[in-house]
Amino acid sequence: MIAASKAGAPDNPAWYHNLLANPETKIETPADGVVEVQVSELTGAERDSAWERFKAMSPGFGEYEAKTDRVIPVLALHRR
């Protein structure tokens, strides 16, 4: 999962819009190298649960949330 936090800016990062427009993409991971993924945006309780995990792992995400009025999107990356 990835969060489009943009450090609490009032708008979503450009890459967020790019991924939604082109959800079949590739990522690079340290363990697996290049991996083909399908991107989907989480909504509702699923998004909220994922967002809470982000904040638990890194308190900075809570600071980003406090700086903005927008709901910070969370995107899931599924292997293709």
Protein backbone atom coordinates (compact mmCIF):
# COMPACT_ATOMS: atom_id res chain seq x y z
CA MET A 1 0.00 0.00 0.00
CA ILE A 2 0.98 3.58 -0.58
CA ALA A 3 -0.45 6.81 0.82
CA ALA A 4 -0.85 9.94 -1.29
CA SER A 5 -0.03 12.19 1.66
CA LYS A 6 2.08 14.84 -0.12
CA ALA A 7 3.25 15.84 3.38
CA GLY A 8 -0.19 17.22 4.19
CA ALA A 9 -0.47 19.55 1.18
CA PRO A 10 -4.01 20.65 0.27
CA ASP A 11 -3.97 18.66 -3.00
CA ASN A 12 -3.11 15.12 -4.00
CA PRO A 13 0.31 14.44 -5.56
CA ALA A 14 0.55 14.19 -9.36
CA TRP A 15 1.62 10.54 -9.17
CA TYR A 16 -1.73 9.69 -7.50
CA HIS A 17 -3.64 10.94 -10.54
CA ASN A 18 -1.19 9.18 -12.87
CA LEU A 19 -1.68 5.84 -11.12
CA LEU A 20 -5.47 6.12 -11.22
CA ALA A 21 -5.31 6.95 -14.94
CA ASN A 22 -2.84 4.09 -15.58
CA PRO A 23 -3.50 1.44 -12.91
CA GLU A 24 -1.49 -1.31 -14.60
CA THR A 25 2.11 -0.42 -13.88
CA LYS A 26 5.41 -1.72 -12.55
CA ILE A 27 7.16 -1.09 -9.26
CA GLU A 28 10.62 -1.98 -8.05
CA THR A 29 11.16 -3.65 -4.69
CA PRO A 30 14.42 -4.48 -2.92
CA ALA A 31 13.46 -8.14 -2.52
CA ASP A 32 11.73 -8.90 -5.83
CA GLY A 33 13.09 -6.39 -8.32
CA VAL A 34 10.57 -5.18 -10.91
CA VAL A 35 7.01 -6.36 -10.22
CA GLU A 36 3.91 -5.77 -12.36
CA VAL A 37 1.00 -4.45 -10.28
CA GLN A 38 -2.60 -3.33 -10.56
CA VAL A 39 -3.39 -0.20 -8.53
CA SER A 40 -6.73 0.35 -6.79
CA GLU A 41 -7.86 3.06 -4.43
CA LEU A 42 -9.12 1.92 -1.04
CA THR A 43 -12.38 3.42 0.22
CA GLY A 44 -14.51 3.44 3.34
CA ALA A 45 -13.53 1.24 6.27
CA GLU A 46 -10.82 -0.50 4.23
CA ARG A 47 -9.10 2.84 3.54
CA ASP A 48 -9.53 3.98 7.14
CA SER A 49 -8.00 0.77 8.51
CA ALA A 50 -5.02 1.04 6.15
CA TRP A 51 -4.55 4.71 7.05
CA GLU A 52 -4.47 3.84 10.77
CA ARG A 53 -1.71 1.31 10.02
CA PHE A 54 0.30 4.02 8.25
CA LYS A 55 -0.02 6.29 11.28
CA ALA A 56 0.92 3.48 13.67
CA MET A 57 4.09 2.72 11.68
CA SER A 58 5.12 6.36 11.29
CA PRO A 59 3.66 9.19 13.40
CA GLY A 60 4.57 11.65 10.64
CA PHE A 61 1.49 10.52 8.73
CA GLY A 62 -0.69 11.78 11.57
CA GLU A 63 1.07 15.14 11.29
CA TYR A 64 0.32 15.22 7.56
CA GLU A 65 -3.33 14.45 8.26
CA ALA A 66 -3.53 17.33 10.77
CA LYS A 67 -2.16 19.78 8.18
CA THR A 68 -4.86 19.18 5.54
CA ASP A 69 -8.63 19.16 5.16
CA ARG A 70 -8.57 16.43 2.50
CA VAL A 71 -8.91 12.73 3.13
CA ILE A 72 -5.50 11.34 2.25
CA PRO A 73 -5.92 8.56 -0.32
CA VAL A 74 -4.49 5.10 0.21
CA LEU A 75 -3.78 2.92 -2.80
CA ALA A 76 -3.36 -0.86 -2.86
CA LEU A 77 -0.83 -2.48 -5.18
CA HIS A 78 -1.84 -5.99 -6.28
CA ARG A 79 0.59 -8.24 -8.15
CA ARG A 80 -0.52 -9.04 -11.67
